[in-house]
Amino acid sequence: MILDENLSPKVIDFGFSTCIEKGRKVKIFCGTPSYMAPEIVQKKEYRGEPADVWALGVLAFVTLTGIFPFRGATDQELYRKINSADYPRH
């Protein structure tokens, strides 16, 4: 997270990013794997805003619990868990 010129917090990802027109759907496979929304993992067409809200939810989960909601030994296992909403519920 960083602060903009108005001291408003912004969530950023220096690993992968892209700019998408508001309301436009894309089919770009990009992002940090642990933060990817199911539609990105499934390589479906998606809008940027809902995918960003998903990533913010993952960030909130990590901030509150200290662990990622979805973890896997490989990217494929991680993606399977994201798709099936397989996260720790303790």
PDB file of N, CA and C in Angstrom:
ATOM      1  N   MET A   1       0.848  -1.172   0.000  1.00  0.00           N
ATOM      2  CA  MET A   1       0.000   0.000   0.000  1.00  0.00           C
ATOM      3  C   MET A   1       0.894   1.235   0.000  1.00  0.00           C
ATOM      4  N   ILE A   2       0.432   2.257  -0.703  1.00  0.00           N
ATOM      5  CA  ILE A   2       1.115   3.544  -0.707  1.00  0.00           C
ATOM      6  C   ILE A   2       0.071   4.635  -0.504  1.00  0.00           C
ATOM      7  N   LEU A   3       0.535   5.852  -0.292  1.00  0.00           N
ATOM      8  CA  LEU A   3      -0.353   7.006  -0.179  1.00  0.00           C
ATOM      9  C   LEU A   3      -0.182   7.874  -1.409  1.00  0.00           C
ATOM     10  N   ASP A   4      -1.302   8.364  -1.966  1.00  0.00           N
ATOM     11  CA  ASP A   4      -1.197   9.268  -3.109  1.00  0.00           C
ATOM     12  C   ASP A   4      -0.975  10.699  -2.622  1.00  0.00           C
ATOM     13  N   GLU A   5      -1.017  11.648  -3.526  1.00  0.00           N
ATOM     14  CA  GLU A   5      -0.737  13.048  -3.185  1.00  0.00           C
ATOM     15  C   GLU A   5      -1.738  13.634  -2.187  1.00  0.00           C
ATOM     16  N   ASN A   6      -2.919  13.015  -2.091  1.00  0.00           N
ATOM     17  CA  ASN A   6      -3.937  13.463  -1.127  1.00  0.00           C
ATOM     18  C   ASN A   6      -3.922  12.642   0.160  1.00  0.00           C
ATOM     19  N   LEU A   7      -2.873  11.823   0.313  1.00  0.00           N
ATOM     20  CA  LEU A   7      -2.717  10.927   1.459  1.00  0.00           C
ATOM     21  C   LEU A   7      -3.800   9.853   1.533  1.00  0.00           C
ATOM     22  N   SER A   8      -4.386   9.530   0.373  1.00  0.00           N
ATOM     23  CA  SER A   8      -5.349   8.431   0.292  1.00  0.00           C
ATOM     24  C   SER A   8      -4.572   7.146   0.034  1.00  0.00           C
ATOM     25  N   PRO A   9      -4.911   6.064   0.752  1.00  0.00           N
ATOM     26  CA  PRO A   9      -4.181   4.811   0.526  1.00  0.00           C
ATOM     27  C   PRO A   9      -4.537   4.185  -0.814  1.00  0.00           C
ATOM     28  N   LYS A  10      -3.549   3.598  -1.448  1.00  0.00           N
ATOM     29  CA  LYS A  10      -3.717   2.907  -2.725  1.00  0.00           C
ATOM     30  C   LYS A  10      -3.073   1.533  -2.618  1.00  0.00           C
ATOM     31  N   VAL A  11      -3.774   0.514  -3.092  1.00  0.00           N
ATOM     32  CA  VAL A  11      -3.231  -0.837  -3.136  1.00  0.00           C
ATOM     33  C   VAL A  11      -2.547  -0.999  -4.483  1.00  0.00           C
ATOM     34  N   ILE A  12      -1.286  -1.414  -4.463  1.00  0.00           N
ATOM     35  CA  ILE A  12      -0.532  -1.551  -5.712  1.00  0.00           C
ATOM     36  C   ILE A  12       0.140  -2.910  -5.774  1.00  0.00           C
ATOM     37  N   ASP A  13       0.538  -3.297  -6.963  1.00  0.00           N
ATOM     38  CA  ASP A  13       1.255  -4.542  -7.194  1.00  0.00           C
ATOM     39  C   ASP A  13       2.325  -4.232  -8.230  1.00  0.00           C
ATOM     40  N   PHE A  14       3.571  -4.201  -7.787  1.00  0.00           N
ATOM     41  CA  PHE A  14       4.650  -3.887  -8.716  1.00  0.00           C
ATOM     42  C   PHE A  14       5.009  -5.066  -9.620  1.00  0.00           C
ATOM     43  N   GLY A  15       4.532  -6.265  -9.288  1.00  0.00           N
ATOM     44  CA  GLY A  15       4.864  -7.441 -10.086  1.00  0.00           C
ATOM     45  C   GLY A  15       4.212  -7.418 -11.453  1.00  0.00           C
ATOM     46  N   PHE A  16       2.912  -7.252 -11.488  1.00  0.00           N
ATOM     47  CA  PHE A  16       2.154  -7.223 -12.736  1.00  0.00           C
ATOM     48  C   PHE A  16       1.065  -6.172 -12.598  1.00  0.00           C
ATOM     49  N   SER A  17       0.831  -5.428 -13.650  1.00  0.00           N
ATOM     50  CA  SER A  17      -0.289  -4.495 -13.641  1.00  0.00           C
ATOM     51  C   SER A  17      -0.640  -4.128 -15.074  1.00  0.00           C
ATOM     52  N   THR A  18      -1.843  -3.627 -15.230  1.00  0.00           N
ATOM     53  CA  THR A  18      -2.286  -3.150 -16.531  1.00  0.00           C
ATOM     54  C   THR A  18      -3.407  -2.142 -16.304  1.00  0.00           C
ATOM     55  N   CYS A  19      -3.601  -1.264 -17.228  1.00  0.00           N
ATOM     56  CA  CYS A  19      -4.698  -0.288 -17.153  1.00  0.00           C
ATOM     57  C   CYS A  19      -5.816  -0.760 -18.079  1.00  0.00           C
ATOM     58  N   ILE A  20      -7.010  -0.753 -17.538  1.00  0.00           N
ATOM     59  CA  ILE A  20      -8.180  -1.195 -18.299  1.00  0.00           C
ATOM     60  C   ILE A  20      -9.232  -0.099 -18.213  1.00  0.00           C
ATOM     61  N   GLU A  21      -9.828   0.252 -19.361  1.00  0.00           N
ATOM     62  CA  GLU A  21     -10.905   1.232 -19.355  1.00  0.00           C
ATOM     63  C   GLU A  21     -12.034   0.757 -18.458  1.00  0.00           C
ATOM     64  N   LYS A  22     -12.629   1.670 -17.709  1.00  0.00           N
ATOM     65  CA  LYS A  22     -13.724   1.330 -16.811  1.00  0.00           C
ATOM     66  C   LYS A  22     -14.855   0.658 -17.597  1.00  0.00           C
ATOM     67  N   GLY A  23     -15.328  -0.473 -17.086  1.00  0.00           N
ATOM     68  CA  GLY A  23     -16.430  -1.192 -17.707  1.00  0.00           C
ATOM     69  C   GLY A  23     -16.029  -2.121 -18.843  1.00  0.00           C
ATOM     70  N   ARG A  24     -14.798  -2.014 -19.319  1.00  0.00           N
ATOM     71  CA  ARG A  24     -14.336  -2.862 -20.432  1.00  0.00           C
ATOM     72  C   ARG A  24     -13.929  -4.232 -19.897  1.00  0.00           C
ATOM     73  N   LYS A  25     -14.249  -5.266 -20.648  1.00  0.00           N
ATOM     74  CA  LYS A  25     -13.829  -6.614 -20.280  1.00  0.00           C
ATOM     75  C   LYS A  25     -12.550  -6.974 -21.023  1.00  0.00           C
ATOM     76  N   VAL A  26     -11.704  -7.735 -20.343  1.00  0.00           N
ATOM     77  CA  VAL A  26     -10.442  -8.176 -20.938  1.00  0.00           C
ATOM     78  C   VAL A  26     -10.250  -9.656 -20.639  1.00  0.00           C
ATOM     79  N   LYS A  27      -9.268 -10.227 -21.285  1.00  0.00           N
ATOM     80  CA  LYS A  27      -8.919 -11.624 -21.051  1.00  0.00           C
ATOM     81  C   LYS A  27      -7.394 -11.701 -20.933  1.00  0.00           C
ATOM     82  N   ILE A  28      -6.862 -10.980 -19.932  1.00  0.00           N
ATOM     83  CA  ILE A  28      -5.421 -10.912 -19.710  1.00  0.00           C
ATOM     84  C   ILE A  28      -5.092 -11.734 -18.471  1.00  0.00           C
ATOM     85  N   PHE A  29      -4.168 -12.669 -18.614  1.00  0.00           N
ATOM     86  CA  PHE A  29      -3.742 -13.468 -17.468  1.00  0.00           C
ATOM     87  C   PHE A  29      -2.561 -12.760 -16.829  1.00  0.00           C
ATOM     88  N   CYS A  30      -2.861 -11.895 -15.846  1.00  0.00           N
ATOM     89  CA  CYS A  30      -1.780 -11.178 -15.174  1.00  0.00           C
ATOM     90  C   CYS A  30      -2.155 -10.931 -13.723  1.00  0.00           C
ATOM     91  N   GLY A  31      -1.148 -10.768 -12.909  1.00  0.00           N
ATOM     92  CA  GLY A  31      -1.348 -10.523 -11.497  1.00  0.00           C
ATOM     93  C   GLY A  31      -0.465 -11.423 -10.665  1.00  0.00           C
ATOM     94  N   THR A  32      -0.386 -11.123  -9.397  1.00  0.00           N
ATOM     95  CA  THR A  32       0.340 -11.978  -8.468  1.00  0.00           C
ATOM     96  C   THR A  32      -0.573 -13.155  -8.138  1.00  0.00           C
ATOM     97  N   PRO A  33      -0.123 -14.388  -8.364  1.00  0.00           N
ATOM     98  CA  PRO A  33      -1.012 -15.550  -8.254  1.00  0.00           C
ATOM     99  C   PRO A  33      -1.885 -15.612  -7.003  1.00  0.00           C
ATOM    100  N   SER A  34      -1.357 -15.324  -5.830  1.00  0.00           N
ATOM    101  CA  SER A  34      -2.147 -15.434  -4.598  1.00  0.00           C
ATOM    102  C   SER A  34      -3.309 -14.451  -4.543  1.00  0.00           C
ATOM    103  N   TYR A  35      -3.258 -13.391  -5.340  1.00  0.00           N
ATOM    104  CA  TYR A  35      -4.290 -12.357  -5.329  1.00  0.00           C
ATOM    105  C   TYR A  35      -5.245 -12.451  -6.510  1.00  0.00           C
ATOM    106  N   MET A  36      -5.034 -13.408  -7.411  1.00  0.00           N
ATOM    107  CA  MET A  36      -5.853 -13.499  -8.622  1.00  0.00           C
ATOM    108  C   MET A  36      -7.275 -13.939  -8.314  1.00  0.00           C
ATOM    109  N   ALA A  37      -8.218 -13.281  -8.965  1.00  0.00           N
ATOM    110  CA  ALA A  37      -9.634 -13.638  -8.851  1.00  0.00           C
ATOM    111  C   ALA A  37      -9.899 -14.914  -9.656  1.00  0.00           C
ATOM    112  N   PRO A  38     -10.957 -15.658  -9.302  1.00  0.00           N
ATOM    113  CA  PRO A  38     -11.266 -16.898 -10.027  1.00  0.00           C
ATOM    114  C   PRO A  38     -11.393 -16.699 -11.536  1.00  0.00           C
ATOM    115  N   GLU A  39     -11.999 -15.600 -11.978  1.00  0.00           N
ATOM    116  CA  GLU A  39     -12.177 -15.397 -13.418  1.00  0.00           C
ATOM    117  C   GLU A  39     -10.846 -15.232 -14.139  1.00  0.00           C
ATOM    118  N   ILE A  40      -9.836 -14.692 -13.466  1.00  0.00           N
ATOM    119  CA  ILE A  40      -8.511 -14.573 -14.078  1.00  0.00           C
ATOM    120  C   ILE A  40      -7.867 -15.955 -14.157  1.00  0.00           C
ATOM    121  N   VAL A  41      -7.930 -16.692 -13.057  1.00  0.00           N
ATOM    122  CA  VAL A  41      -7.369 -18.043 -12.996  1.00  0.00           C
ATOM    123  C   VAL A  41      -8.007 -18.942 -14.051  1.00  0.00           C
ATOM    124  N   GLN A  42      -9.302 -18.773 -14.280  1.00  0.00           N
ATOM    125  CA  GLN A  42     -10.031 -19.585 -15.260  1.00  0.00           C
ATOM    126  C   GLN A  42      -9.825 -19.085 -16.690  1.00  0.00           C
ATOM    127  N   LYS A  43      -9.083 -18.002 -16.849  1.00  0.00           N
ATOM    128  CA  LYS A  43      -8.781 -17.394 -18.148  1.00  0.00           C
ATOM    129  C   LYS A  43     -10.052 -16.998 -18.889  1.00  0.00           C
ATOM    130  N   LYS A  44     -11.029 -16.483 -18.107  1.00  0.00           N
ATOM    131  CA  LYS A  44     -12.276 -15.983 -18.674  1.00  0.00           C
ATOM    132  C   LYS A  44     -12.176 -14.473 -18.862  1.00  0.00           C
ATOM    133  N   GLU A  45     -13.063 -13.938 -19.651  1.00  0.00           N
ATOM    134  CA  GLU A  45     -13.153 -12.493 -19.810  1.00  0.00           C
ATOM    135  C   GLU A  45     -13.640 -11.892 -18.493  1.00  0.00           C
ATOM    136  N   TYR A  46     -13.042 -10.767 -18.078  1.00  0.00           N
ATOM    137  CA  TYR A  46     -13.410 -10.151 -16.809  1.00  0.00           C
ATOM    138  C   TYR A  46     -13.267  -8.637 -16.872  1.00  0.00           C
ATOM    139  N   ARG A  47     -13.896  -7.968 -15.911  1.00  0.00           N
ATOM    140  CA  ARG A  47     -13.741  -6.526 -15.741  1.00  0.00           C
ATOM    141  C   ARG A  47     -12.732  -6.290 -14.629  1.00  0.00           C
ATOM    142  N   GLY A  48     -11.987  -5.223 -14.728  1.00  0.00           N
ATOM    143  CA  GLY A  48     -10.925  -4.937 -13.770  1.00  0.00           C
ATOM    144  C   GLY A  48     -11.392  -4.657 -12.355  1.00  0.00           C
ATOM    145  N   GLU A  49     -12.499  -3.911 -12.222  1.00  0.00           N
ATOM    146  CA  GLU A  49     -12.930  -3.500 -10.881  1.00  0.00           C
ATOM    147  C   GLU A  49     -13.259  -4.689  -9.975  1.00  0.00           C
ATOM    148  N   PRO A  50     -14.060  -5.662 -10.407  1.00  0.00           N
ATOM    149  CA  PRO A  50     -14.339  -6.808  -9.525  1.00  0.00           C
ATOM    150  C   PRO A  50     -13.074  -7.603  -9.176  1.00  0.00           C
ATOM    151  N   ALA A  51     -12.164  -7.732 -10.123  1.00  0.00           N
ATOM    152  CA  ALA A  51     -10.904  -8.444  -9.849  1.00  0.00           C
ATOM    153  C   ALA A  51     -10.084  -7.686  -8.807  1.00  0.00           C
ATOM    154  N   ASP A  52     -10.121  -6.356  -8.862  1.00  0.00           N
ATOM    155  CA  ASP A  52      -9.417  -5.547  -7.862  1.00  0.00           C
ATOM    156  C   ASP A  52     -10.059  -5.683  -6.485  1.00  0.00           C
ATOM    157  N   VAL A  53     -11.383  -5.768  -6.443  1.00  0.00           N
ATOM    158  CA  VAL A  53     -12.077  -5.958  -5.164  1.00  0.00           C
ATOM    159  C   VAL A  53     -11.700  -7.315  -4.577  1.00  0.00           C
ATOM    160  N   TRP A  54     -11.612  -8.345  -5.420  1.00  0.00           N
ATOM    161  CA  TRP A  54     -11.168  -9.665  -4.951  1.00  0.00           C
ATOM    162  C   TRP A  54      -9.781  -9.538  -4.307  1.00  0.00           C
ATOM    163  N   ALA A  55      -8.844  -8.893  -5.010  1.00  0.00           N
ATOM    164  CA  ALA A  55      -7.481  -8.742  -4.493  1.00  0.00           C
ATOM    165  C   ALA A  55      -7.478  -7.980  -3.173  1.00  0.00           C
ATOM    166  N   LEU A  56      -8.337  -6.974  -3.050  1.00  0.00           N
ATOM    167  CA  LEU A  56      -8.445  -6.231  -1.797  1.00  0.00           C
ATOM    168  C   LEU A  56      -8.952  -7.141  -0.676  1.00  0.00           C
ATOM    169  N   GLY A  57      -9.880  -8.040  -0.994  1.00  0.00           N
ATOM    170  CA  GLY A  57     -10.361  -9.004  -0.011  1.00  0.00           C
ATOM    171  C   GLY A  57      -9.253  -9.935   0.461  1.00  0.00           C
ATOM    172  N   VAL A  58      -8.417 -10.374  -0.474  1.00  0.00           N
ATOM    173  CA  VAL A  58      -7.272 -11.221  -0.107  1.00  0.00           C
ATOM    174  C   VAL A  58      -6.335 -10.434   0.809  1.00  0.00           C
ATOM    175  N   LEU A  59      -6.077  -9.179   0.461  1.00  0.00           N
ATOM    176  CA  LEU A  59      -5.214  -8.341   1.298  1.00  0.00           C
ATOM    177  C   LEU A  59      -5.799  -8.177   2.693  1.00  0.00           C
ATOM    178  N   ALA A  60      -7.099  -7.970   2.803  1.00  0.00           N
ATOM    179  CA  ALA A  60      -7.748  -7.836   4.111  1.00  0.00           C
ATOM    180  C   ALA A  60      -7.613  -9.133   4.907  1.00  0.00           C
ATOM    181  N   PHE A  61      -7.809 -10.270   4.247  1.00  0.00           N
ATOM    182  CA  PHE A  61      -7.675 -11.572   4.903  1.00  0.00           C
ATOM    183  C   PHE A  61      -6.266 -11.733   5.468  1.00  0.00           C
ATOM    184  N   VAL A  62      -5.265 -11.430   4.642  1.00  0.00           N
ATOM    185  CA  VAL A  62      -3.863 -11.549   5.072  1.00  0.00           C
ATOM    186  C   VAL A  62      -3.577 -10.604   6.236  1.00  0.00           C
ATOM    187  N   THR A  63      -4.090  -9.393   6.154  1.00  0.00           N
ATOM    188  CA  THR A  63      -3.865  -8.404   7.208  1.00  0.00           C
ATOM    189  C   THR A  63      -4.471  -8.855   8.536  1.00  0.00           C
ATOM    190  N   LEU A  64      -5.654  -9.447   8.480  1.00  0.00           N
ATOM    191  CA  LEU A  64      -6.356  -9.855   9.698  1.00  0.00           C
ATOM    192  C   LEU A  64      -5.883 -11.185  10.273  1.00  0.00           C
ATOM    193  N   THR A  65      -5.429 -12.105   9.414  1.00  0.00           N
ATOM    194  CA  THR A  65      -5.083 -13.449   9.892  1.00  0.00           C
ATOM    195  C   THR A  65      -3.592 -13.760   9.865  1.00  0.00           C
ATOM    196  N   GLY A  66      -2.852 -13.033   9.042  1.00  0.00           N
ATOM    197  CA  GLY A  66      -1.417 -13.299   8.914  1.00  0.00           C
ATOM    198  C   GLY A  66      -1.083 -14.420   7.949  1.00  0.00           C
ATOM    199  N   ILE A  67      -2.100 -14.977   7.267  1.00  0.00           N
ATOM    200  CA  ILE A  67      -1.869 -16.028   6.266  1.00  0.00           C
ATOM    201  C   ILE A  67      -2.695 -15.734   5.019  1.00  0.00           C
ATOM    202  N   PHE A  68      -2.269 -16.304   3.897  1.00  0.00           N
ATOM    203  CA  PHE A  68      -3.047 -16.163   2.673  1.00  0.00           C
ATOM    204  C   PHE A  68      -4.248 -17.099   2.723  1.00  0.00           C
ATOM    205  N   PRO A  69      -5.381 -16.674   2.180  1.00  0.00           N
ATOM    206  CA  PRO A  69      -6.553 -17.548   2.195  1.00  0.00           C
ATOM    207  C   PRO A  69      -6.381 -18.776   1.292  1.00  0.00           C
ATOM    208  N   PHE A  70      -5.601 -18.636   0.246  1.00  0.00           N
ATOM    209  CA  PHE A  70      -5.396 -19.734  -0.702  1.00  0.00           C
ATOM    210  C   PHE A  70      -3.896 -19.974  -0.834  1.00  0.00           C
ATOM    211  N   ARG A  71      -3.485 -21.229  -0.569  1.00  0.00           N
ATOM    212  CA  ARG A  71      -2.074 -21.584  -0.681  1.00  0.00           C
ATOM    213  C   ARG A  71      -1.951 -22.920  -1.380  1.00  0.00           C
ATOM    214  N   GLY A  72      -0.873 -23.075  -2.128  1.00  0.00           N
ATOM    215  CA  GLY A  72      -0.633 -24.336  -2.809  1.00  0.00           C
ATOM    216  C   GLY A  72       0.853 -24.536  -3.035  1.00  0.00           C
ATOM    217  N   ALA A  73       1.264 -25.784  -3.131  1.00  0.00           N
ATOM    218  CA  ALA A  73       2.667 -26.109  -3.379  1.00  0.00           C
ATOM    219  C   ALA A  73       3.084 -25.700  -4.796  1.00  0.00           C
ATOM    220  N   THR A  74       2.101 -25.637  -5.711  1.00  0.00           N
ATOM    221  CA  THR A  74       2.347 -25.213  -7.095  1.00  0.00           C
ATOM    222  C   THR A  74       1.298 -24.173  -7.467  1.00  0.00           C
ATOM    223  N   ASP A  75       1.530 -23.471  -8.552  1.00  0.00           N
ATOM    224  CA  ASP A  75       0.522 -22.512  -9.021  1.00  0.00           C
ATOM    225  C   ASP A  75      -0.771 -23.233  -9.365  1.00  0.00           C
ATOM    226  N   GLN A  76      -0.675 -24.415  -9.972  1.00  0.00           N
ATOM    227  CA  GLN A  76      -1.886 -25.162 -10.347  1.00  0.00           C
ATOM    228  C   GLN A  76      -2.717 -25.519  -9.122  1.00  0.00           C
ATOM    229  N   GLU A  77      -2.061 -25.940  -8.030  1.00  0.00           N
ATOM    230  CA  GLU A  77      -2.784 -26.255  -6.797  1.00  0.00           C
ATOM    231  C   GLU A  77      -3.418 -24.996  -6.212  1.00  0.00           C
ATOM    232  N   LEU A  78      -2.678 -23.888  -6.253  1.00  0.00           N
ATOM    233  CA  LEU A  78      -3.201 -22.606  -5.785  1.00  0.00           C
ATOM    234  C   LEU A  78      -4.434 -22.217  -6.589  1.00  0.00           C
ATOM    235  N   TYR A  79      -4.376 -22.320  -7.903  1.00  0.00           N
ATOM    236  CA  TYR A  79      -5.506 -21.948  -8.760  1.00  0.00           C
ATOM    237  C   TYR A  79      -6.717 -22.835  -8.498  1.00  0.00           C
ATOM    238  N   ARG A  80      -6.488 -24.126  -8.262  1.00  0.00           N
ATOM    239  CA  ARG A  80      -7.588 -25.035  -7.946  1.00  0.00           C
ATOM    240  C   ARG A  80      -8.275 -24.598  -6.658  1.00  0.00           C
ATOM    241  N   LYS A  81      -7.489 -24.198  -5.660  1.00  0.00           N
ATOM    242  CA  LYS A  81      -8.066 -23.768  -4.387  1.00  0.00           C
ATOM    243  C   LYS A  81      -8.833 -22.456  -4.545  1.00  0.00           C
ATOM    244  N   ILE A  82      -8.309 -21.539  -5.345  1.00  0.00           N
ATOM    245  CA  ILE A  82      -9.029 -20.276  -5.607  1.00  0.00           C
ATOM    246  C   ILE A  82     -10.362 -20.592  -6.273  1.00  0.00           C
ATOM    247  N   ASN A  83     -10.365 -21.452  -7.283  1.00  0.00           N
ATOM    248  CA  ASN A  83     -11.593 -21.794  -8.008  1.00  0.00           C
ATOM    249  C   ASN A  83     -12.625 -22.478  -7.141  1.00  0.00           C
ATOM    250  N   SER A  84     -12.183 -23.266  -6.172  1.00  0.00           N
ATOM    251  CA  SER A  84     -13.129 -24.004  -5.333  1.00  0.00           C
ATOM    252  C   SER A  84     -13.376 -23.326  -3.987  1.00  0.00           C
ATOM    253  N   ALA A  85     -12.823 -22.111  -3.790  1.00  0.00           N
ATOM    254  CA  ALA A  85     -12.959 -21.376  -2.523  1.00  0.00           C
ATOM    255  C   ALA A  85     -12.508 -22.244  -1.342  1.00  0.00           C
ATOM    256  N   ASP A  86     -11.401 -22.963  -1.537  1.00  0.00           N
ATOM    257  CA  ASP A  86     -10.852 -23.845  -0.511  1.00  0.00           C
ATOM    258  C   ASP A  86      -9.858 -23.045   0.337  1.00  0.00           C
ATOM    259  N   TYR A  87     -10.373 -22.457   1.429  1.00  0.00           N
ATOM    260  CA  TYR A  87      -9.528 -21.659   2.313  1.00  0.00           C
ATOM    261  C   TYR A  87      -9.752 -22.087   3.763  1.00  0.00           C
ATOM    262  N   PRO A  88      -8.775 -21.773   4.657  1.00  0.00           N
ATOM    263  CA  PRO A  88      -8.913 -22.188   6.060  1.00  0.00           C
ATOM    264  C   PRO A  88     -10.080 -21.471   6.723  1.00  0.00           C
ATOM    265  N   ARG A  89     -10.890 -22.200   7.451  1.00  0.00           N
ATOM    266  CA  ARG A  89     -12.073 -21.628   8.089  1.00  0.00           C
ATOM    267  C   ARG A  89     -12.014 -21.714   9.603  1.00  0.00           C
ATOM    268  N   HIS A  90     -10.843 -21.717  10.163  1.00  0.00           N
ATOM    269  CA  HIS A  90     -10.699 -21.820  11.625  1.00  0.00           C
ATOM    270  C   HIS A  90     -10.697 -20.459  12.265  1.00  0.00           C
TER     271      HIS A  90
END
